[in-house]
């Protein structure tokens, strides 16, 4: 449950996102990357 709590806190702190090819990056302004998601091939 702690990991889930941290995940939602990071989502809540997100102010920007960028999408580049297969990578979605959620960040706090341009200062800090909070979460990075990569698309996996099928």
N, C-alpha and C. Protein backbone atom coordinates (compact mmCIF):
# COMPACT_ATOMS: atom_id res chain seq x y z
N UNK A 1 0.80 -1.20 0.00
CA UNK A 1 0.00 0.00 0.00
C UNK A 1 0.85 1.27 0.00
N UNK A 2 2.01 1.20 0.59
CA UNK A 2 2.88 2.38 0.64
C UNK A 2 3.29 2.81 -0.76
N UNK A 3 3.58 1.85 -1.61
CA UNK A 3 3.99 2.16 -2.97
C UNK A 3 2.84 2.86 -3.72
N UNK A 4 1.64 2.41 -3.51
CA UNK A 4 0.48 3.02 -4.13
C UNK A 4 0.31 4.47 -3.65
N UNK A 5 0.52 4.69 -2.39
CA UNK A 5 0.42 6.04 -1.80
C UNK A 5 1.43 6.98 -2.45
N UNK A 6 2.66 6.53 -2.58
CA UNK A 6 3.71 7.34 -3.21
C UNK A 6 3.37 7.63 -4.66
N UNK A 7 2.88 6.63 -5.38
CA UNK A 7 2.49 6.78 -6.78
C UNK A 7 1.45 7.90 -6.93
N UNK A 8 0.42 7.88 -6.10
CA UNK A 8 -0.62 8.90 -6.19
C UNK A 8 -0.12 10.27 -5.76
N UNK A 9 0.81 10.33 -4.84
CA UNK A 9 1.41 11.62 -4.46
C UNK A 9 2.19 12.20 -5.64
N UNK A 10 2.92 11.35 -6.33
CA UNK A 10 3.68 11.82 -7.49
C UNK A 10 2.74 12.30 -8.60
N UNK A 11 1.67 11.56 -8.83
CA UNK A 11 0.69 12.00 -9.82
C UNK A 11 0.11 13.36 -9.44
N UNK A 12 -0.17 13.54 -8.19
CA UNK A 12 -0.74 14.79 -7.71
C UNK A 12 0.24 15.96 -7.88
N UNK A 13 1.53 15.70 -7.81
CA UNK A 13 2.55 16.75 -7.93
C UNK A 13 2.95 17.04 -9.37
N UNK A 14 2.42 16.29 -10.30
CA UNK A 14 2.77 16.47 -11.71
C UNK A 14 2.22 17.79 -12.24
N UNK A 15 3.09 18.55 -12.91
CA UNK A 15 2.65 19.81 -13.52
C UNK A 15 2.81 19.80 -15.03
N UNK A 16 3.61 18.87 -15.54
CA UNK A 16 3.84 18.79 -16.99
C UNK A 16 3.99 17.35 -17.42
N UNK A 17 3.76 17.15 -18.71
CA UNK A 17 4.03 15.83 -19.27
C UNK A 17 4.66 16.00 -20.64
N UNK A 18 5.39 14.99 -21.06
CA UNK A 18 5.94 14.99 -22.41
C UNK A 18 5.81 13.58 -22.96
N UNK A 19 5.58 13.52 -24.25
CA UNK A 19 5.43 12.25 -24.94
C UNK A 19 6.44 12.22 -26.07
N UNK A 20 7.31 11.23 -26.04
CA UNK A 20 8.37 11.11 -27.03
C UNK A 20 8.46 9.66 -27.47
N UNK A 21 8.06 9.40 -28.69
CA UNK A 21 8.03 8.03 -29.21
C UNK A 21 7.22 7.14 -28.29
N UNK A 22 7.87 6.27 -27.57
CA UNK A 22 7.19 5.30 -26.71
C UNK A 22 7.33 5.62 -25.22
N UNK A 23 7.68 6.85 -24.90
CA UNK A 23 7.92 7.22 -23.50
C UNK A 23 7.05 8.40 -23.09
N UNK A 24 6.34 8.21 -22.00
CA UNK A 24 5.55 9.27 -21.38
C UNK A 24 6.25 9.66 -20.09
N UNK A 25 6.58 10.95 -19.97
CA UNK A 25 7.26 11.45 -18.78
C UNK A 25 6.38 12.47 -18.07
N UNK A 26 6.16 12.24 -16.79
CA UNK A 26 5.42 13.19 -15.96
C UNK A 26 6.42 13.87 -15.06
N UNK A 27 6.36 15.20 -15.02
CA UNK A 27 7.38 15.93 -14.26
C UNK A 27 6.79 17.08 -13.47
N UNK A 28 7.63 17.59 -12.58
CA UNK A 28 7.30 18.78 -11.79
C UNK A 28 7.99 19.94 -12.48
N UNK A 29 7.20 20.75 -13.18
CA UNK A 29 7.71 21.78 -14.07
C UNK A 29 8.79 21.14 -14.93
N UNK A 30 9.93 21.76 -15.11
CA UNK A 30 11.01 21.11 -15.87
C UNK A 30 12.14 20.72 -14.94
N UNK A 31 11.89 20.79 -13.66
CA UNK A 31 12.94 20.57 -12.67
C UNK A 31 13.19 19.10 -12.35
N UNK A 32 12.13 18.32 -12.27
CA UNK A 32 12.29 16.96 -11.76
C UNK A 32 11.34 15.99 -12.45
N UNK A 33 11.87 14.92 -12.98
CA UNK A 33 11.04 13.86 -13.54
C UNK A 33 10.46 13.05 -12.40
N UNK A 34 9.15 12.91 -12.39
CA UNK A 34 8.49 12.18 -11.31
C UNK A 34 8.20 10.73 -11.69
N UNK A 35 7.62 10.55 -12.87
CA UNK A 35 7.27 9.21 -13.34
C UNK A 35 7.59 9.09 -14.82
N UNK A 36 8.10 7.95 -15.20
CA UNK A 36 8.42 7.69 -16.61
C UNK A 36 7.81 6.35 -16.98
N UNK A 37 6.99 6.36 -18.04
CA UNK A 37 6.34 5.14 -18.52
C UNK A 37 6.85 4.85 -19.92
N UNK A 38 7.17 3.60 -20.18
CA UNK A 38 7.61 3.18 -21.51
C UNK A 38 6.65 2.15 -22.07
N UNK A 39 6.26 2.37 -23.30
CA UNK A 39 5.37 1.42 -23.97
C UNK A 39 6.15 0.16 -24.31
N UNK A 40 5.54 -0.96 -24.01
CA UNK A 40 6.16 -2.24 -24.30
C UNK A 40 5.58 -2.80 -25.60
N UNK A 41 6.42 -3.41 -26.41
CA UNK A 41 5.90 -4.02 -27.65
C UNK A 41 4.99 -5.20 -27.33
N UNK A 42 4.07 -5.46 -28.21
CA UNK A 42 3.15 -6.59 -28.01
C UNK A 42 3.82 -7.89 -28.33
